[in-house]
Amino acid sequence: MKIESKRVTVQKSANDLCHFLGDVKNYEQLMPETISKFEVIRENAFVFALKGMPEIALEVKEVNAPNEVILGALSSKLAFTLTAVVDEVSKKTSEAEFLFEGEFNTMMKMMIKGPITKFLETLATNLETV
């Protein structure tokens, strides 16, 4: 299953944006208002929960500055990646989008597609304002 967020314009260089997204502490700023938990559990990993949803732990797997930051789930029960794709527009502006990829059974796809799509849109929208 693949889900893409909208592309947003960010007033940061591509390199600065990759650095920002490579620091797990910064994801708290991008979370939806419905967040009920956000905790950095180690230098490259954090756990979060949205109201009514289970906790999800993510870690930074790769930072390929200035174009990509890849986060992956720490749990093998719900294995997926969340990739931030960054393109430079100018020295002080870049465009970014989030890509979610994971292999899920049909029932799980039906349950998570809506919430994940909404979550990615919120991440992208909040990224525009950083």
Protein backbone atom coordinates (compact mmCIF):
# COMPACT_ATOMS: atom_id res chain seq x y z
CA MET A 1 0.00 0.00 0.00
CA LYS A 2 1.30 3.43 -0.96
CA ILE A 3 -0.12 6.77 0.15
CA GLU A 4 1.24 10.18 -0.81
CA SER A 5 0.61 13.53 0.87
CA LYS A 6 0.19 16.76 -1.00
CA ARG A 7 3.39 18.59 -2.03
CA VAL A 8 4.02 21.67 0.07
CA THR A 9 6.37 24.63 -0.22
CA VAL A 10 8.64 25.19 2.78
CA GLN A 11 10.67 28.34 3.44
CA LYS A 12 13.87 26.39 4.11
CA SER A 13 16.63 25.20 1.83
CA ALA A 14 16.45 21.51 0.91
CA ASN A 15 19.52 20.83 3.06
CA ASP A 16 18.04 22.66 6.08
CA LEU A 17 14.73 20.86 5.65
CA CYS A 18 16.42 17.44 5.53
CA HIS A 19 18.37 18.36 8.67
CA PHE A 20 15.10 19.43 10.35
CA LEU A 21 13.33 16.19 9.37
CA GLY A 22 16.32 14.08 10.40
CA ASP A 23 15.94 15.30 14.01
CA VAL A 24 13.18 13.28 15.69
CA LYS A 25 12.42 16.02 18.24
CA ASN A 26 11.03 18.18 15.41
CA TYR A 27 8.22 15.76 14.57
CA GLU A 28 6.29 16.91 17.63
CA GLN A 29 5.71 20.24 15.80
CA LEU A 30 4.24 18.38 12.81
CA MET A 31 1.79 16.18 14.73
CA PRO A 32 -1.99 16.65 14.54
CA GLU A 33 -3.86 18.38 17.35
CA THR A 34 -5.32 14.98 18.31
CA ILE A 35 -1.95 13.77 19.59
CA SER A 36 -2.17 12.16 23.01
CA LYS A 37 1.51 11.17 23.37
CA PHE A 38 4.86 12.16 21.92
CA GLU A 39 8.11 10.93 23.42
CA VAL A 40 11.66 10.76 22.10
CA ILE A 41 12.84 7.29 23.13
CA ARG A 42 16.40 7.58 21.81
CA GLU A 43 18.44 9.91 19.63
CA ASN A 44 16.93 8.65 16.37
CA ALA A 45 13.53 7.33 17.49
CA PHE A 46 10.22 8.51 18.91
CA VAL A 47 6.85 7.12 19.87
CA PHE A 48 3.54 8.88 19.38
CA ALA A 49 -0.15 8.18 19.76
CA LEU A 50 -3.20 9.90 18.39
CA LYS A 51 -6.46 9.80 20.33
CA GLY A 52 -8.22 6.51 19.62
CA MET A 53 -5.19 4.95 17.88
CA PRO A 54 -2.43 2.64 19.16
CA GLU A 55 1.07 3.95 19.85
CA ILE A 56 3.45 3.97 16.90
CA ALA A 57 7.23 4.01 17.27
CA LEU A 58 9.34 5.38 14.40
CA GLU A 59 13.05 5.69 13.89
CA VAL A 60 15.13 7.57 11.37
CA LYS A 61 16.55 4.89 9.07
CA GLU A 62 18.34 7.12 6.54
CA VAL A 63 18.98 10.78 5.82
CA ASN A 64 20.02 11.36 2.22
CA ALA A 65 20.44 15.13 2.32
CA PRO A 66 19.29 17.20 0.60
CA ASN A 67 16.55 15.04 -0.91
CA GLU A 68 15.21 12.36 1.42
CA VAL A 69 14.59 11.32 5.03
CA ILE A 70 13.35 7.77 5.63
CA LEU A 71 11.64 6.76 8.85
CA GLY A 72 10.63 3.21 9.63
CA ALA A 73 8.37 1.53 12.15
CA LEU A 74 10.13 -0.10 15.09
CA SER A 75 7.44 -2.80 15.34
CA SER A 76 7.52 -5.69 12.90
CA LYS A 77 3.76 -6.17 13.49
CA LEU A 78 3.03 -3.01 11.49
CA ALA A 79 6.04 -2.70 9.19
CA PHE A 80 6.08 0.44 7.06
CA THR A 81 8.24 3.35 5.99
CA LEU A 82 7.47 7.04 6.01
CA THR A 83 9.65 8.96 3.57
CA ALA A 84 9.97 12.71 3.29
CA VAL A 85 10.93 13.61 -0.28
CA VAL A 86 12.50 17.08 -0.59
CA ASP A 87 13.19 19.04 -3.78
CA GLU A 88 15.06 22.31 -3.86
CA VAL A 89 13.18 25.19 -5.48
CA SER A 90 15.68 27.93 -4.61
CA LYS A 91 18.43 28.54 -2.06
CA LYS A 92 15.83 29.39 0.59
CA THR A 93 12.80 27.40 -0.57
CA SER A 94 12.03 23.73 -1.09
CA GLU A 95 9.08 21.47 -1.81
CA ALA A 96 8.32 18.36 0.18
CA GLU A 97 5.86 15.50 0.39
CA PHE A 98 5.46 12.45 2.61
CA LEU A 99 5.20 8.91 1.23
CA PHE A 100 3.84 6.03 3.29
CA GLU A 101 4.60 2.47 2.15
CA GLY A 102 3.73 -0.82 3.79
CA GLU A 103 2.44 -4.30 3.11
CA PHE A 104 -0.89 -4.97 4.78
CA ASN A 105 -3.72 -7.44 4.40
CA THR A 106 -6.98 -6.23 2.86
CA MET A 107 -8.76 -5.77 6.20
CA MET A 108 -5.88 -3.72 7.64
CA LYS A 109 -5.70 -1.58 4.48
CA MET A 110 -9.38 -0.71 4.82
CA MET A 111 -8.93 0.23 8.48
CA ILE A 112 -5.81 2.39 8.15
CA LYS A 113 -6.05 4.05 4.73
CA GLY A 114 -8.29 6.93 5.86
CA PRO A 115 -6.46 7.74 9.11
CA ILE A 116 -3.01 7.45 7.48
CA THR A 117 -4.05 9.69 4.56
CA LYS A 118 -5.35 12.31 6.98
CA PHE A 119 -2.20 12.00 9.11
CA LEU A 120 0.09 12.56 6.10
CA GLU A 121 -1.91 15.60 5.03
CA THR A 122 -1.56 17.06 8.52
CA LEU A 123 2.20 16.43 8.55
CA ALA A 124 2.54 18.17 5.19
CA THR A 125 0.32 21.10 6.16
CA ASN A 126 2.21 21.63 9.42
CA LEU A 127 5.55 21.37 7.59
CA GLU A 128 4.61 24.42 5.52
CA THR A 129 4.66 26.58 8.65
CA VAL A 130 8.00 25.54 10.21
